[in-house]
C-alpha cells in the first residue's frame, strides 16, 4: 500500500463535476432508451464550423509546417508575437489600451481560470453565486477560504460590493455571466473596480462571452479607469470564434499589478507559464489571428448572430408559456425559473425522461442557482426548434 500523501483539499469537492454528472445521467438514459433522440441544450459547446477565414489561415499554417524553411517547433510559452499583437489591436478597436507584452496566449479560459490560483497565496476568495463552477472548484483544490456573494432576481443576478466591508479578496466576476446572462453596465463594473482599489483586492474578470454583448455595456474591465491596477482579464476564442475543439484563449496581466510586498503578478504568471505550459500550436494561433482581423471579426459575428437567433426562439417560447427567464440578449444562455417550485435536478430529470431535452440544473452553479435552469442556444437551428416544440408541450 502506498504511503504517499495526497492533496486532501480534493475531498471538499463534490463527488462529480457538474457536466460530468449530466453526461453520466444522459448516457444511462440513452442506454435504457436507445430509440429516443436526445436534444442537448446543456453544455455550452458550439455546433457551427469555423469561419472560412480561420480555416484558410490554419490550412496555410499547416502547409508551412510541412516545409523545412517555414517549419516551427515549440511555440513561445506566452504566445507568438503576431497573435499577442493582434489581441492588443482587438482591444484598441474597442477603445481599450492593452500592451501586447501583457497578453498571454493559452489553450483555454477554463485552463487559465483554474491555473491562476497557482500564483496566489492564501487569500479570502469572493465568488458570486450562481456562476461557473470552475471558480469554486479550483479554489477548493487549493484549500482557499471562499465566501459566496449570492445574487438573485431582485438584483438581476448582478451582485454588488455594497454589502461588503473593505476587506481584501480575490474577486471573480463573469460578465456576461455564465449561467445567468446578466451583464454589468459601466456603473456596476466601476463599483467593483472602486472597491478593489480601496480594499486592495484583485479582480479576476472572465470576459469569455464579451462578443455576445448587445448595447452599451463594457466588453472589457479595462474600459473602467484604474482597472489595470487591480484586475486580470481572461478571454477566449471558444465561443466568439467557435474554438471549443481548437483551443485558444488569452489572459491579460498588466504590468501595474503589484502587491504591497513588491510582487509583480505579471512576473509570477510569466514564470508559472514558462514552467507548466508548452504553448498553443502554430496553426491554431494563426487561425486565432485571422479571427481577430476585421474580416475575421465580421465572419465570427455571423456565427454569434446565429446562436443569438436560437436564443430568441427559446426566449419567445418561454414568454408565451409565462415562464420567468433572463439572459439570451447579451448571452447565449437562457436562465429560467423551474416551474411549480421544482428543484433544478428534478426539472432536469423531468425534461430528460418526458421530452428528451437536456439542460443544466441551476444548483450546479451554486446554492443561489437552486430552483433555476440553464438552456444554451449553441445547438443547431433544427435542434433548437425541435427542442422548443418539446419544451412547450410540458411547460
Protein backbone atom coordinates (compact mmCIF):
# COMPACT_ATOMS: atom_id res chain seq x y z
CA UNK A 1 0.00 0.00 0.00
CA UNK A 2 1.30 3.45 -0.90
CA UNK A 3 2.47 5.73 1.90
CA UNK A 4 2.37 8.93 -0.08
CA UNK A 5 0.20 11.88 0.93
CA UNK A 6 -2.39 13.42 -1.40
CA UNK A 7 -3.96 16.84 -1.69
CA UNK A 8 -6.75 16.36 0.83
CA UNK A 9 -8.44 19.55 -0.37
CA UNK A 10 -9.95 17.42 -3.17
CA UNK A 11 -12.18 15.87 -0.51
CA UNK A 12 -14.01 19.22 -0.29
CA UNK A 13 -15.17 18.88 -3.91
CA UNK A 14 -18.48 17.40 -4.93
CA UNK A 15 -18.16 13.77 -6.00
CA UNK A 16 -18.63 14.66 -9.66
CA UNK A 17 -18.05 17.77 -11.76
CA UNK A 18 -21.40 19.24 -12.84
CA UNK A 19 -21.11 18.47 -16.54
CA UNK A 20 -19.66 15.02 -15.86
CA UNK A 21 -22.75 14.21 -13.78
CA UNK A 22 -25.02 15.45 -16.56
CA UNK A 23 -23.15 13.26 -19.03
CA UNK A 24 -23.49 10.23 -16.75
CA UNK A 25 -27.25 10.69 -16.42
CA UNK A 26 -27.72 11.18 -20.16
CA UNK A 27 -25.64 8.10 -21.02
CA UNK A 28 -27.63 5.98 -18.57
CA UNK A 29 -30.93 7.17 -20.03
CA UNK A 30 -29.73 6.60 -23.60
CA UNK A 31 -28.61 3.06 -22.74
CA UNK A 32 -32.09 2.27 -21.40
CA UNK A 33 -33.91 4.04 -24.25
CA UNK A 34 -31.76 3.68 -27.39
CA UNK A 35 -34.76 4.51 -29.59
CA UNK A 36 -35.15 8.00 -28.10
CA UNK A 37 -33.49 11.03 -29.75
CA UNK A 38 -31.97 13.33 -27.14
CA UNK A 39 -31.57 17.05 -27.82
CA UNK A 40 -28.73 18.58 -25.82
CA UNK A 41 -29.11 22.19 -24.71
CA UNK A 42 -26.89 21.69 -21.68
CA UNK A 43 -23.15 22.05 -22.16
CA UNK A 44 -22.23 25.24 -24.00
CA UNK A 45 -20.47 23.61 -26.94
CA UNK A 46 -20.70 25.26 -30.35
CA UNK A 47 -22.10 23.44 -33.39
CA UNK A 48 -21.23 25.68 -36.36
CA UNK A 49 -17.97 25.18 -38.30
CA UNK A 50 -15.06 27.59 -38.06
CA UNK A 51 -15.25 30.78 -40.12
CA UNK A 52 -13.74 30.44 -43.64
CA UNK A 53 -11.00 33.00 -42.92
CA UNK A 54 -9.93 30.96 -39.89
CA UNK A 55 -9.86 27.69 -41.84
CA UNK A 56 -7.81 29.27 -44.64
CA UNK A 57 -5.28 30.67 -42.16
CA UNK A 58 -4.92 27.33 -40.42
CA UNK A 59 -4.52 25.45 -43.72
CA UNK A 60 -1.78 27.82 -44.78
CA UNK A 61 -0.05 27.41 -41.41
CA UNK A 62 -0.20 23.62 -41.66
CA UNK A 63 1.37 23.81 -45.13
CA UNK A 64 4.15 25.95 -43.66
CA UNK A 65 4.77 23.21 -41.10
CA UNK A 66 5.39 20.80 -43.99
CA UNK A 67 8.25 22.85 -45.45
CA UNK A 68 11.72 22.88 -43.89
CA UNK A 69 12.22 26.63 -44.32
CA UNK A 70 8.96 27.55 -42.56
CA UNK A 71 8.65 24.66 -40.10
CA UNK A 72 8.27 25.68 -36.46
CA UNK A 73 8.88 23.64 -33.31
CA UNK A 74 7.83 24.56 -29.79
CA UNK A 75 5.71 27.71 -29.78
CA UNK A 76 6.62 30.53 -27.36
CA UNK A 77 5.03 29.75 -23.99
CA UNK A 78 3.44 33.21 -23.89
CA UNK A 79 2.16 33.09 -27.46
CA UNK A 80 3.57 34.11 -30.84
CA UNK A 81 4.16 37.85 -31.15
CA UNK A 82 1.78 38.07 -34.13
CA UNK A 83 -1.17 36.83 -32.03
CA UNK A 84 -0.33 38.86 -28.93
CA UNK A 85 -0.19 41.96 -31.12
CA UNK A 86 -3.47 41.02 -32.85
CA UNK A 87 -5.14 40.74 -29.43
CA UNK A 88 -3.80 44.16 -28.42
CA UNK A 89 -5.19 45.61 -31.67
CA UNK A 90 -8.55 43.92 -30.99
CA UNK A 91 -8.71 45.82 -27.70
CA UNK A 92 -7.62 49.04 -29.40
CA UNK A 93 -10.55 48.85 -31.84
CA UNK A 94 -12.78 48.79 -28.76
CA UNK A 95 -11.06 51.88 -27.38
CA UNK A 96 -9.01 49.98 -24.79
CA UNK A 97 -5.25 50.22 -24.39
CA UNK A 98 -3.61 46.86 -23.65
CA UNK A 99 0.08 46.15 -24.19
CA UNK A 100 0.85 43.08 -26.29
CA UNK A 101 3.56 42.30 -23.73
CA UNK A 102 0.86 41.91 -21.05
CA UNK A 103 -1.05 39.32 -23.14
CA UNK A 104 -0.51 35.60 -22.50
CA UNK A 105 -1.93 33.12 -25.01
CA UNK A 106 -3.22 29.81 -23.65
CA UNK A 107 -5.25 26.73 -24.59
CA UNK A 108 -8.47 27.89 -22.94
CA UNK A 109 -10.10 30.27 -20.48
CA UNK A 110 -11.03 27.31 -18.28
CA UNK A 111 -7.34 26.42 -18.01
CA UNK A 112 -6.35 29.95 -17.04
CA UNK A 113 -9.21 30.37 -14.56
CA UNK A 114 -8.14 27.15 -12.88
CA UNK A 115 -4.41 27.85 -13.06
CA UNK A 116 -4.38 31.48 -11.89
CA UNK A 117 -4.57 30.28 -8.28
CA UNK A 118 -1.03 28.92 -8.70
CA UNK A 119 0.44 32.41 -8.36
CA UNK A 120 -1.78 33.50 -5.45
CA UNK A 121 -1.39 32.76 -1.74
CA UNK A 122 -3.97 32.02 0.95
CA UNK A 123 -6.35 34.89 0.32
CA UNK A 124 -10.04 35.21 1.03
CA UNK A 125 -11.86 34.45 -2.19
CA UNK A 126 -15.17 36.07 -3.14
CA UNK A 127 -17.25 34.21 -5.71
CA UNK A 128 -20.66 35.33 -6.95
CA UNK A 129 -23.39 32.72 -6.92
CA UNK A 130 -24.71 31.40 -9.25
CA UNK A 131 -21.67 31.26 -11.53
CA UNK A 132 -19.34 28.98 -13.49
CA UNK A 133 -18.24 26.12 -11.13
CA UNK A 134 -14.53 26.19 -12.02
CA UNK A 135 -14.02 29.32 -9.89
CA UNK A 136 -15.21 27.44 -6.82
CA UNK A 137 -13.59 24.09 -7.55
CA UNK A 138 -10.12 25.44 -8.39
CA UNK A 139 -10.02 27.34 -5.10
CA UNK A 140 -11.31 24.39 -3.11
CA UNK A 141 -8.50 22.31 -4.63
CA UNK A 142 -6.04 24.86 -3.26
CA UNK A 143 -7.63 24.96 0.19
CA UNK A 144 -8.65 28.60 -0.04
CA UNK A 145 -11.34 30.13 2.13
CA UNK A 146 -14.32 31.01 -0.04
CA UNK A 147 -17.17 33.42 0.58
CA UNK A 148 -20.20 33.44 -1.70
CA UNK A 149 -21.93 36.62 -2.81
CA UNK A 150 -25.43 35.47 -3.65
CA UNK A 151 -27.41 37.24 -6.36
CA UNK A 152 -30.97 36.74 -7.50
CA UNK A 153 -33.97 38.10 -9.34
CA UNK A 154 -34.11 41.18 -7.10
CA UNK A 155 -30.75 42.49 -8.30
CA UNK A 156 -30.89 40.98 -11.78
CA UNK A 157 -28.36 38.33 -10.75
CA UNK A 158 -25.70 41.04 -10.52
CA UNK A 159 -24.02 41.07 -7.13
CA UNK A 160 -22.69 44.40 -5.89
CA UNK A 161 -19.95 45.27 -3.38
CA UNK A 162 -22.34 47.44 -1.35
CA UNK A 163 -22.82 44.67 1.23
CA UNK A 164 -19.08 44.15 1.81
CA UNK A 165 -16.69 45.59 4.33
CA UNK A 166 -13.43 46.87 2.88
CA UNK A 167 -11.64 43.53 3.13
CA UNK A 168 -9.14 42.35 0.52
CA UNK A 169 -10.41 39.49 -1.62
CA UNK A 170 -9.60 37.70 -4.82
CA UNK A 171 -12.88 38.54 -6.58
CA UNK A 172 -14.25 36.55 -9.53
CA UNK A 173 -16.53 38.43 -11.93
CA UNK A 174 -18.03 36.97 -15.11
CA UNK A 175 -19.79 39.39 -17.46
CA UNK A 176 -21.82 38.40 -19.42
CA UNK A 177 -22.43 35.91 -16.66
CA UNK A 178 -22.44 32.17 -17.17
CA UNK A 179 -25.11 30.88 -16.43
CA UNK A 180 -27.50 33.81 -15.94
CA UNK A 181 -26.58 36.03 -18.91
CA UNK A 182 -26.51 39.10 -16.65
CA UNK A 183 -24.21 41.90 -17.85
CA UNK A 184 -22.64 44.67 -15.77
CA UNK A 185 -23.13 48.21 -17.02
CA UNK A 186 -20.30 50.70 -16.63
CA UNK A 187 -21.54 51.98 -13.30
CA UNK A 188 -21.86 48.47 -11.89
CA UNK A 189 -18.40 47.40 -13.05
CA UNK A 190 -16.88 50.67 -11.87
CA UNK A 191 -18.24 49.97 -8.39
CA UNK A 192 -16.25 46.74 -8.30
CA UNK A 193 -13.08 48.43 -9.51
CA UNK A 194 -13.51 51.14 -6.87
CA UNK A 195 -13.97 48.51 -4.18
CA UNK A 196 -10.91 46.57 -5.36
CA UNK A 197 -8.70 49.66 -5.37
CA UNK A 198 -9.86 50.82 -1.94
CA UNK A 199 -9.65 47.39 -0.30
CA UNK A 200 -6.50 46.15 -2.01
CA UNK A 201 -8.38 43.33 -3.76
CA UNK A 202 -7.66 41.58 -7.06
CA UNK A 203 -10.42 41.05 -9.64
CA UNK A 204 -10.29 38.02 -11.94
CA UNK A 205 -12.53 39.18 -14.79
CA UNK A 206 -13.89 36.48 -17.10
CA UNK A 207 -14.97 38.07 -20.39
CA UNK A 208 -15.35 34.85 -22.39
CA UNK A 209 -18.77 35.94 -23.72
CA UNK A 210 -17.99 39.58 -24.50
CA UNK A 211 -18.62 39.06 -28.23
CA UNK A 212 -22.30 38.40 -27.44
CA UNK A 213 -22.90 41.77 -25.77
CA UNK A 214 -25.62 43.93 -27.32
CA UNK A 215 -25.89 47.57 -26.32
CA UNK A 216 -23.64 49.98 -24.45
CA UNK A 217 -22.04 47.64 -21.91
CA UNK A 218 -18.32 47.24 -21.23
CA UNK A 219 -16.68 44.40 -23.15
CA UNK A 220 -13.52 44.61 -21.04
CA UNK A 221 -12.88 45.59 -17.45
CA UNK A 222 -10.08 47.80 -18.76
CA UNK A 223 -12.73 50.15 -20.09
CA UNK A 224 -13.06 51.21 -16.45
CA UNK A 225 -10.49 53.75 -15.28
CA UNK A 226 -7.94 52.28 -12.90
CA UNK A 227 -8.81 48.64 -13.61
CA UNK A 228 -5.29 47.89 -14.82
CA UNK A 229 -4.06 48.32 -11.21
CA UNK A 230 -6.41 45.72 -9.73
CA UNK A 231 -7.65 43.35 -12.48
CA UNK A 232 -6.62 40.32 -14.52
CA UNK A 233 -8.78 39.66 -17.58
CA UNK A 234 -9.33 36.22 -19.13
CA UNK A 235 -10.96 35.85 -22.55
CA UNK A 236 -11.45 33.04 -25.04
CA UNK A 237 -11.86 32.19 -28.71
CA UNK A 238 -14.12 29.25 -27.83
CA UNK A 239 -17.48 30.95 -28.18
CA UNK A 240 -16.63 34.12 -30.13
CA UNK A 241 -14.92 32.14 -32.92
CA UNK A 242 -16.06 28.55 -32.33
CA UNK A 243 -12.72 27.28 -30.97
CA UNK A 244 -14.15 24.81 -28.44
CA UNK A 245 -12.45 21.96 -30.29
CA UNK A 246 -9.45 24.01 -31.38
CA UNK A 247 -8.47 25.54 -28.01
CA UNK A 248 -7.12 29.06 -27.75
CA UNK A 249 -7.60 31.88 -25.26
CA UNK A 250 -5.71 34.70 -23.63
CA UNK A 251 -5.10 36.30 -20.25
CA UNK A 252 -4.09 39.91 -19.68
CA UNK A 253 -1.86 40.52 -16.65
CA UNK A 254 -0.97 44.24 -16.59
CA UNK A 255 2.46 45.47 -15.54
CA UNK A 256 0.78 47.64 -12.88
CA UNK A 257 -0.44 44.66 -10.82
CA UNK A 258 2.00 44.75 -7.90
CA UNK A 259 1.31 43.57 -4.34
CA UNK A 260 2.13 45.68 -1.28
CA UNK A 261 5.15 43.48 -0.58
CA UNK A 262 6.54 44.05 -4.07
CA UNK A 263 5.46 41.01 -6.08
CA UNK A 264 4.57 41.70 -9.72
CA UNK A 265 1.77 39.34 -10.76
CA UNK A 266 2.87 39.53 -14.40
CA UNK A 267 6.30 38.22 -13.47
CA UNK A 268 4.78 35.39 -11.42
CA UNK A 269 2.36 34.40 -14.20
CA UNK A 270 5.20 34.51 -16.74
CA UNK A 271 7.22 32.16 -14.57
CA UNK A 272 4.28 29.85 -14.00
CA UNK A 273 3.51 29.57 -17.71
CA UNK A 274 7.14 29.05 -18.65
CA UNK A 275 7.32 26.14 -16.20
CA UNK A 276 3.96 24.44 -16.67
CA UNK A 277 2.76 25.31 -20.17
CA UNK A 278 4.22 24.49 -23.58
CA UNK A 279 2.19 26.91 -25.66
CA UNK A 280 -0.54 26.71 -28.30
CA UNK A 281 0.23 25.19 -31.70
CA UNK A 282 1.28 27.47 -34.55
CA UNK A 283 -1.68 26.62 -36.88
CA UNK A 284 -4.19 27.34 -34.11
CA UNK A 285 -2.55 30.68 -33.31
CA UNK A 286 -2.65 31.66 -37.00
CA UNK A 287 -6.35 30.78 -37.02
CA UNK A 288 -6.91 32.89 -33.92
CA UNK A 289 -5.04 35.80 -35.50
CA UNK A 290 -7.33 35.57 -38.54
CA UNK A 291 -10.42 35.53 -36.28
CA UNK A 292 -9.36 38.90 -34.84
CA UNK A 293 -8.81 40.60 -38.18
CA UNK A 294 -11.53 43.00 -39.32
CA UNK A 295 -12.88 40.42 -41.78
CA UNK A 296 -12.49 37.67 -39.21
CA UNK A 297 -14.48 39.57 -36.61
CA UNK A 298 -17.21 40.09 -39.22
CA UNK A 299 -17.35 36.39 -40.12
CA UNK A 300 -17.30 35.31 -36.47
CA UNK A 301 -20.06 37.82 -35.65
CA UNK A 302 -22.27 35.95 -38.11
CA UNK A 303 -21.75 32.80 -36.01
CA UNK A 304 -22.68 34.73 -32.87
CA UNK A 305 -25.81 36.11 -34.57
CA UNK A 306 -26.90 32.57 -35.49
CA UNK A 307 -26.69 31.44 -31.88
CA UNK A 308 -28.46 34.56 -30.66
CA UNK A 309 -31.34 33.85 -33.05
CA UNK A 310 -31.60 30.45 -31.37
CA UNK A 311 -31.72 32.23 -28.02
CA UNK A 312 -34.53 34.43 -29.28
CA UNK A 313 -36.53 31.37 -30.38
CA UNK A 314 -36.17 29.82 -26.91
CA UNK A 315 -36.97 33.09 -25.13
CA UNK A 316 -40.11 33.73 -27.19
CA UNK A 317 -41.44 30.28 -26.30
CA UNK A 318 -40.81 30.82 -22.59
CA UNK A 319 -42.55 34.18 -22.78
CA UNK A 320 -45.58 32.57 -24.43
CA UNK A 321 -45.71 30.00 -21.64
CA UNK A 322 -45.33 32.61 -18.93
CA UNK A 323 -42.03 31.18 -17.64
CA UNK A 324 -39.81 33.73 -15.88
CA UNK A 325 -36.38 33.88 -17.51
CA UNK A 326 -33.45 36.13 -18.23
CA UNK A 327 -30.35 36.03 -20.46
CA UNK A 328 -30.44 35.41 -24.20
CA UNK A 329 -29.92 39.09 -25.07
CA UNK A 330 -26.21 39.61 -24.44
CA UNK A 331 -25.53 35.96 -23.75
CA UNK A 332 -26.06 32.58 -25.45
CA UNK A 333 -27.65 31.26 -22.26
CA UNK A 334 -31.27 31.33 -21.11
CA UNK A 335 -31.72 31.26 -17.32
CA UNK A 336 -35.24 30.24 -16.34
CA UNK A 337 -37.16 29.58 -13.14
CA UNK A 338 -38.19 25.96 -12.74
CA UNK A 339 -41.99 25.66 -12.89
CA UNK A 340 -44.18 24.72 -9.93
CA UNK A 341 -41.38 25.15 -7.42
CA UNK A 342 -39.45 22.16 -8.75
CA UNK A 343 -35.84 21.67 -7.75
CA UNK A 344 -33.36 22.13 -10.57
CA UNK A 345 -32.33 18.44 -10.67
CA UNK A 346 -35.97 17.31 -10.55
CA UNK A 347 -36.68 19.58 -13.52
CA UNK A 348 -33.63 18.12 -15.31
CA UNK A 349 -34.93 14.59 -14.77
CA UNK A 350 -38.43 15.53 -15.92
CA UNK A 351 -37.20 17.07 -19.17
CA UNK A 352 -34.87 14.15 -19.89
CA UNK A 353 -37.49 11.49 -19.19
CA UNK A 354 -40.56 13.14 -20.69
CA UNK A 355 -39.27 15.08 -23.73
CA UNK A 356 -35.60 14.05 -24.01
CA UNK A 357 -34.24 17.60 -23.75
CA UNK A 358 -31.06 18.12 -21.74
CA UNK A 359 -30.32 21.37 -19.91
CA UNK A 360 -28.21 22.31 -16.89
CA UNK A 361 -29.57 22.36 -13.32
CA UNK A 362 -29.03 25.74 -11.69
CA UNK A 363 -27.95 24.16 -8.40
CA UNK A 364 -24.74 23.12 -10.12
CA UNK A 365 -23.75 26.79 -10.37
CA UNK A 366 -24.09 27.42 -6.64
CA UNK A 367 -26.75 27.47 -3.95
CA UNK A 368 -28.32 30.64 -5.36
CA UNK A 369 -28.98 28.72 -8.57
CA UNK A 370 -31.31 26.21 -6.94
CA UNK A 371 -34.77 26.40 -8.48
CA UNK A 372 -33.38 27.72 -11.79
CA UNK A 373 -32.25 26.06 -15.00
CA UNK A 374 -29.89 26.93 -17.86
CA UNK A 375 -30.54 26.30 -21.53
CA UNK A 376 -27.94 27.02 -24.20
CA UNK A 377 -28.51 28.38 -27.68
CA UNK A 378 -25.43 26.68 -29.15
CA UNK A 379 -27.39 23.90 -30.82
CA UNK A 380 -28.25 23.79 -34.50
CA UNK A 381 -31.31 25.73 -35.65
CA UNK A 382 -33.12 22.48 -36.37
CA UNK A 383 -32.35 21.05 -32.92
CA UNK A 384 -33.34 24.29 -31.22
CA UNK A 385 -36.69 24.47 -32.99
CA UNK A 386 -37.38 20.81 -32.20
CA UNK A 387 -36.39 21.30 -28.55
CA UNK A 388 -38.68 24.33 -28.25
CA UNK A 389 -41.65 22.29 -29.51
CA UNK A 390 -40.92 19.57 -26.99
CA UNK A 391 -40.46 22.03 -24.12
CA UNK A 392 -43.65 23.85 -25.00
CA UNK A 393 -45.58 20.59 -24.59
CA UNK A 394 -44.58 20.19 -20.92
CA UNK A 395 -44.25 23.77 -19.63
